[in-house]
Amino acid sequence: MYICVCNAVRECELRRAAQRSCGNAERVYETLGKRPQCGQCLEEADEIIFEERLCSSQLALAAA
């Protein structure tokens, strides 16, 4: 599913980038070599990034 239509950023790409970088959606977009255009995606992107990082941290704690 596309999260950012302006930049053709898919959810799976956003999740992978969230694991490799820190910060909010704008910072994660930079990791992808993109910049928000209209900004309508930023709230949803931030939610997905938060969710991905939460899941990753929970998996790390469970593995420890």
PDB file of N, CA and C in Angstrom:
ATOM      1  N   MET A   1       0.845  -1.172   0.000  1.00  0.00           N
ATOM      2  CA  MET A   1       0.000   0.000   0.000  1.00  0.00           C
ATOM      3  C   MET A   1       0.899   1.246   0.000  1.00  0.00           C
ATOM      4  N   TYR A   2       0.521   2.226  -0.775  1.00  0.00           N
ATOM      5  CA  TYR A   2       1.269   3.480  -0.797  1.00  0.00           C
ATOM      6  C   TYR A   2       0.869   4.348   0.394  1.00  0.00           C
ATOM      7  N   ILE A   3       1.862   4.817   1.098  1.00  0.00           N
ATOM      8  CA  ILE A   3       1.646   5.748   2.203  1.00  0.00           C
ATOM      9  C   ILE A   3       1.768   7.174   1.689  1.00  0.00           C
ATOM     10  N   CYS A   4       2.757   7.399   0.857  1.00  0.00           N
ATOM     11  CA  CYS A   4       2.982   8.718   0.267  1.00  0.00           C
ATOM     12  C   CYS A   4       2.841   8.595  -1.251  1.00  0.00           C
ATOM     13  N   VAL A   5       1.750   9.106  -1.760  1.00  0.00           N
ATOM     14  CA  VAL A   5       1.496   9.039  -3.198  1.00  0.00           C
ATOM     15  C   VAL A   5       2.453   9.973  -3.945  1.00  0.00           C
ATOM     16  N   CYS A   6       2.721  11.136  -3.388  1.00  0.00           N
ATOM     17  CA  CYS A   6       3.595  12.114  -4.051  1.00  0.00           C
ATOM     18  C   CYS A   6       4.975  11.531  -4.355  1.00  0.00           C
ATOM     19  N   ASN A   7       5.494  10.721  -3.437  1.00  0.00           N
ATOM     20  CA  ASN A   7       6.830  10.152  -3.576  1.00  0.00           C
ATOM     21  C   ASN A   7       6.823   8.650  -3.860  1.00  0.00           C
ATOM     22  N   ALA A   8       5.657   8.070  -4.009  1.00  0.00           N
ATOM     23  CA  ALA A   8       5.510   6.636  -4.258  1.00  0.00           C
ATOM     24  C   ALA A   8       6.229   5.808  -3.193  1.00  0.00           C
ATOM     25  N   VAL A   9       6.017   6.171  -1.919  1.00  0.00           N
ATOM     26  CA  VAL A   9       6.611   5.449  -0.792  1.00  0.00           C
ATOM     27  C   VAL A   9       5.596   4.423  -0.303  1.00  0.00           C
ATOM     28  N   ARG A  10       5.999   3.195  -0.323  1.00  0.00           N
ATOM     29  CA  ARG A  10       5.128   2.107   0.138  1.00  0.00           C
ATOM     30  C   ARG A  10       5.342   1.847   1.624  1.00  0.00           C
ATOM     31  N   GLU A  11       4.338   1.253   2.227  1.00  0.00           N
ATOM     32  CA  GLU A  11       4.400   0.956   3.664  1.00  0.00           C
ATOM     33  C   GLU A  11       5.601   0.077   3.998  1.00  0.00           C
ATOM     34  N   CYS A  12       5.856  -0.942   3.196  1.00  0.00           N
ATOM     35  CA  CYS A  12       6.978  -1.842   3.477  1.00  0.00           C
ATOM     36  C   CYS A  12       8.316  -1.096   3.417  1.00  0.00           C
ATOM     37  N   GLU A  13       8.456  -0.156   2.496  1.00  0.00           N
ATOM     38  CA  GLU A  13       9.677   0.645   2.413  1.00  0.00           C
ATOM     39  C   GLU A  13       9.824   1.534   3.647  1.00  0.00           C
ATOM     40  N   LEU A  14       8.720   2.118   4.061  1.00  0.00           N
ATOM     41  CA  LEU A  14       8.723   2.992   5.229  1.00  0.00           C
ATOM     42  C   LEU A  14       9.102   2.210   6.483  1.00  0.00           C
ATOM     43  N   ARG A  15       8.565   1.010   6.637  1.00  0.00           N
ATOM     44  CA  ARG A  15       8.884   0.179   7.799  1.00  0.00           C
ATOM     45  C   ARG A  15      10.370  -0.199   7.827  1.00  0.00           C
ATOM     46  N   ARG A  16      10.912  -0.589   6.688  1.00  0.00           N
ATOM     47  CA  ARG A  16      12.348  -0.928   6.639  1.00  0.00           C
ATOM     48  C   ARG A  16      13.210   0.284   6.970  1.00  0.00           C
ATOM     49  N   ALA A  17      12.857   1.435   6.431  1.00  0.00           N
ATOM     50  CA  ALA A  17      13.614   2.656   6.695  1.00  0.00           C
ATOM     51  C   ALA A  17      13.510   3.063   8.164  1.00  0.00           C
ATOM     52  N   ALA A  18      12.367   2.820   8.784  1.00  0.00           N
ATOM     53  CA  ALA A  18      12.176   3.151  10.199  1.00  0.00           C
ATOM     54  C   ALA A  18      13.115   2.342  11.082  1.00  0.00           C
ATOM     55  N   GLN A  19      13.439   1.132  10.665  1.00  0.00           N
ATOM     56  CA  GLN A  19      14.354   0.288  11.432  1.00  0.00           C
ATOM     57  C   GLN A  19      15.801   0.764  11.311  1.00  0.00           C
ATOM     58  N   ARG A  20      16.118   1.454  10.225  1.00  0.00           N
ATOM     59  CA  ARG A  20      17.501   1.886   9.971  1.00  0.00           C
ATOM     60  C   ARG A  20      17.786   3.313  10.390  1.00  0.00           C
ATOM     61  N   SER A  21      16.769   4.069  10.733  1.00  0.00           N
ATOM     62  CA  SER A  21      16.979   5.478  11.040  1.00  0.00           C
ATOM     63  C   SER A  21      16.167   5.882  12.263  1.00  0.00           C
ATOM     64  N   CYS A  22      16.446   7.063  12.753  1.00  0.00           N
ATOM     65  CA  CYS A  22      15.704   7.574  13.907  1.00  0.00           C
ATOM     66  C   CYS A  22      14.982   8.848  13.488  1.00  0.00           C
ATOM     67  N   GLY A  23      14.130   9.319  14.352  1.00  0.00           N
ATOM     68  CA  GLY A  23      13.415  10.552  14.070  1.00  0.00           C
ATOM     69  C   GLY A  23      12.016  10.297  13.541  1.00  0.00           C
ATOM     70  N   ASN A  24      11.398  11.387  13.116  1.00  0.00           N
ATOM     71  CA  ASN A  24      10.014  11.339  12.657  1.00  0.00           C
ATOM     72  C   ASN A  24       9.949  10.985  11.172  1.00  0.00           C
ATOM     73  N   ALA A  25       8.760  11.102  10.613  1.00  0.00           N
ATOM     74  CA  ALA A  25       8.545  10.719   9.213  1.00  0.00           C
ATOM     75  C   ALA A  25       9.439  11.507   8.263  1.00  0.00           C
ATOM     76  N   GLU A  26       9.599  12.789   8.499  1.00  0.00           N
ATOM     77  CA  GLU A  26      10.441  13.591   7.611  1.00  0.00           C
ATOM     78  C   GLU A  26      11.875  13.080   7.586  1.00  0.00           C
ATOM     79  N   ARG A  27      12.387  12.683   8.738  1.00  0.00           N
ATOM     80  CA  ARG A  27      13.751  12.139   8.806  1.00  0.00           C
ATOM     81  C   ARG A  27      13.841  10.783   8.110  1.00  0.00           C
ATOM     82  N   VAL A  28      12.818   9.965   8.277  1.00  0.00           N
ATOM     83  CA  VAL A  28      12.811   8.654   7.629  1.00  0.00           C
ATOM     84  C   VAL A  28      12.706   8.828   6.117  1.00  0.00           C
ATOM     85  N   TYR A  29      11.927   9.792   5.662  1.00  0.00           N
ATOM     86  CA  TYR A  29      11.846  10.073   4.225  1.00  0.00           C
ATOM     87  C   TYR A  29      13.232  10.442   3.683  1.00  0.00           C
ATOM     88  N   GLU A  30      14.002  11.215   4.451  1.00  0.00           N
ATOM     89  CA  GLU A  30      15.364  11.579   4.034  1.00  0.00           C
ATOM     90  C   GLU A  30      16.206  10.331   3.810  1.00  0.00           C
ATOM     91  N   THR A  31      16.028   9.331   4.668  1.00  0.00           N
ATOM     92  CA  THR A  31      16.739   8.059   4.521  1.00  0.00           C
ATOM     93  C   THR A  31      16.421   7.420   3.175  1.00  0.00           C
ATOM     94  N   LEU A  32      15.200   7.618   2.714  1.00  0.00           N
ATOM     95  CA  LEU A  32      14.764   7.076   1.430  1.00  0.00           C
ATOM     96  C   LEU A  32      15.125   7.987   0.253  1.00  0.00           C
ATOM     97  N   GLY A  33      15.755   9.121   0.565  1.00  0.00           N
ATOM     98  CA  GLY A  33      16.102  10.077  -0.483  1.00  0.00           C
ATOM     99  C   GLY A  33      14.899  10.871  -0.975  1.00  0.00           C
ATOM    100  N   LYS A  34      13.907  11.029  -0.119  1.00  0.00           N
ATOM    101  CA  LYS A  34      12.652  11.718  -0.473  1.00  0.00           C
ATOM    102  C   LYS A  34      12.413  12.880   0.474  1.00  0.00           C
ATOM    103  N   ARG A  35      11.507  13.769   0.059  1.00  0.00           N
ATOM    104  CA  ARG A  35      11.041  14.867   0.906  1.00  0.00           C
ATOM    105  C   ARG A  35       9.528  14.918   0.815  1.00  0.00           C
ATOM    106  N   PRO A  36       8.838  15.140   1.930  1.00  0.00           N
ATOM    107  CA  PRO A  36       7.381  15.259   1.867  1.00  0.00           C
ATOM    108  C   PRO A  36       6.991  16.400   0.924  1.00  0.00           C
ATOM    109  N   GLN A  37       5.982  16.162   0.137  1.00  0.00           N
ATOM    110  CA  GLN A  37       5.510  17.179  -0.801  1.00  0.00           C
ATOM    111  C   GLN A  37       4.275  17.892  -0.233  1.00  0.00           C
ATOM    112  N   CYS A  38       3.130  17.234  -0.269  1.00  0.00           N
ATOM    113  CA  CYS A  38       1.895  17.881   0.201  1.00  0.00           C
ATOM    114  C   CYS A  38       1.728  17.762   1.714  1.00  0.00           C
ATOM    115  N   GLY A  39       2.367  16.754   2.327  1.00  0.00           N
ATOM    116  CA  GLY A  39       2.320  16.580   3.778  1.00  0.00           C
ATOM    117  C   GLY A  39       1.139  15.795   4.312  1.00  0.00           C
ATOM    118  N   GLN A  40       0.211  15.380   3.453  1.00  0.00           N
ATOM    119  CA  GLN A  40      -0.965  14.664   3.940  1.00  0.00           C
ATOM    120  C   GLN A  40      -0.628  13.286   4.499  1.00  0.00           C
ATOM    121  N   CYS A  41       0.516  12.753   4.155  1.00  0.00           N
ATOM    122  CA  CYS A  41       0.894  11.408   4.587  1.00  0.00           C
ATOM    123  C   CYS A  41       1.623  11.387   5.928  1.00  0.00           C
ATOM    124  N   LEU A  42       2.071  12.527   6.398  1.00  0.00           N
ATOM    125  CA  LEU A  42       2.984  12.559   7.537  1.00  0.00           C
ATOM    126  C   LEU A  42       2.402  11.970   8.818  1.00  0.00           C
ATOM    127  N   GLU A  43       1.153  12.235   9.106  1.00  0.00           N
ATOM    128  CA  GLU A  43       0.552  11.698  10.334  1.00  0.00           C
ATOM    129  C   GLU A  43       0.502  10.168  10.285  1.00  0.00           C
ATOM    130  N   GLU A  44       0.028   9.629   9.173  1.00  0.00           N
ATOM    131  CA  GLU A  44      -0.037   8.173   9.039  1.00  0.00           C
ATOM    132  C   GLU A  44       1.362   7.563   9.021  1.00  0.00           C
ATOM    133  N   ALA A  45       2.291   8.223   8.358  1.00  0.00           N
ATOM    134  CA  ALA A  45       3.669   7.729   8.313  1.00  0.00           C
ATOM    135  C   ALA A  45       4.271   7.696   9.711  1.00  0.00           C
ATOM    136  N   ASP A  46       4.046   8.735  10.502  1.00  0.00           N
ATOM    137  CA  ASP A  46       4.555   8.746  11.883  1.00  0.00           C
ATOM    138  C   ASP A  46       3.972   7.594  12.694  1.00  0.00           C
ATOM    139  N   GLU A  47       2.694   7.302  12.509  1.00  0.00           N
ATOM    140  CA  GLU A  47       2.062   6.188  13.226  1.00  0.00           C
ATOM    141  C   GLU A  47       2.690   4.851  12.837  1.00  0.00           C
ATOM    142  N   ILE A  48       2.933   4.664  11.557  1.00  0.00           N
ATOM    143  CA  ILE A  48       3.540   3.425  11.082  1.00  0.00           C
ATOM    144  C   ILE A  48       4.959   3.289  11.606  1.00  0.00           C
ATOM    145  N   ILE A  49       5.700   4.372  11.592  1.00  0.00           N
ATOM    146  CA  ILE A  49       7.075   4.360  12.089  1.00  0.00           C
ATOM    147  C   ILE A  49       7.095   4.014  13.576  1.00  0.00           C
ATOM    148  N   PHE A  50       6.214   4.642  14.356  1.00  0.00           N
ATOM    149  CA  PHE A  50       6.130   4.345  15.784  1.00  0.00           C
ATOM    150  C   PHE A  50       5.794   2.874  16.005  1.00  0.00           C
ATOM    151  N   GLU A  51       4.807   2.377  15.271  1.00  0.00           N
ATOM    152  CA  GLU A  51       4.395   0.977  15.391  1.00  0.00           C
ATOM    153  C   GLU A  51       5.548   0.031  15.053  1.00  0.00           C
ATOM    154  N   GLU A  52       6.259   0.322  13.989  1.00  0.00           N
ATOM    155  CA  GLU A  52       7.370  -0.533  13.573  1.00  0.00           C
ATOM    156  C   GLU A  52       8.470  -0.558  14.624  1.00  0.00           C
ATOM    157  N   ARG A  53       8.802   0.596  15.151  1.00  0.00           N
ATOM    158  CA  ARG A  53       9.859   0.657  16.169  1.00  0.00           C
ATOM    159  C   ARG A  53       9.417  -0.018  17.460  1.00  0.00           C
ATOM    160  N   LEU A  54       8.153   0.117  17.819  1.00  0.00           N
ATOM    161  CA  LEU A  54       7.640  -0.550  19.015  1.00  0.00           C
ATOM    162  C   LEU A  54       7.727  -2.066  18.855  1.00  0.00           C
ATOM    163  N   CYS A  55       7.305  -2.563  17.711  1.00  0.00           N
ATOM    164  CA  CYS A  55       7.375  -4.009  17.450  1.00  0.00           C
ATOM    165  C   CYS A  55       8.814  -4.496  17.471  1.00  0.00           C
ATOM    166  N   SER A  56       9.706  -3.748  16.871  1.00  0.00           N
ATOM    167  CA  SER A  56      11.117  -4.141  16.842  1.00  0.00           C
ATOM    168  C   SER A  56      11.715  -4.178  18.239  1.00  0.00           C
ATOM    169  N   SER A  57      11.368  -3.187  19.075  1.00  0.00           N
ATOM    170  CA  SER A  57      11.918  -3.169  20.425  1.00  0.00           C
ATOM    171  C   SER A  57      11.337  -4.311  21.270  1.00  0.00           C
ATOM    172  N   GLN A  58      10.069  -4.624  21.046  1.00  0.00           N
ATOM    173  CA  GLN A  58       9.461  -5.735  21.783  1.00  0.00           C
ATOM    174  C   GLN A  58      10.084  -7.062  21.391  1.00  0.00           C
ATOM    175  N   LEU A  59      10.394  -7.230  20.111  1.00  0.00           N
ATOM    176  CA  LEU A  59      11.056  -8.453  19.656  1.00  0.00           C
ATOM    177  C   LEU A  59      12.454  -8.565  20.249  1.00  0.00           C
ATOM    178  N   ALA A  60      13.151  -7.439  20.332  1.00  0.00           N
ATOM    179  CA  ALA A  60      14.496  -7.439  20.896  1.00  0.00           C
ATOM    180  C   ALA A  60      14.448  -7.817  22.379  1.00  0.00           C
ATOM    181  N   LEU A  61      13.456  -7.295  23.097  1.00  0.00           N
ATOM    182  CA  LEU A  61      13.332  -7.627  24.526  1.00  0.00           C
ATOM    183  C   LEU A  61      12.976  -9.097  24.714  1.00  0.00           C
ATOM    184  N   ALA A  62      12.135  -9.630  23.847  1.00  0.00           N
ATOM    185  CA  ALA A  62      11.732 -11.022  23.963  1.00  0.00           C
ATOM    186  C   ALA A  62      12.911 -11.948  23.664  1.00  0.00           C
ATOM    187  N   ALA A  63      13.797 -11.528  22.786  1.00  0.00           N
ATOM    188  CA  ALA A  63      14.949 -12.346  22.419  1.00  0.00           C
ATOM    189  C   ALA A  63      16.044 -12.296  23.482  1.00  0.00           C
ATOM    190  N   ALA A  64      16.008 -11.276  24.315  1.00  0.00           N
ATOM    191  CA  ALA A  64      17.062 -11.119  25.328  1.00  0.00           C
ATOM    192  C   ALA A  64      16.883 -12.043  26.501  1.00  0.00           C
TER     193      ALA A  64
END
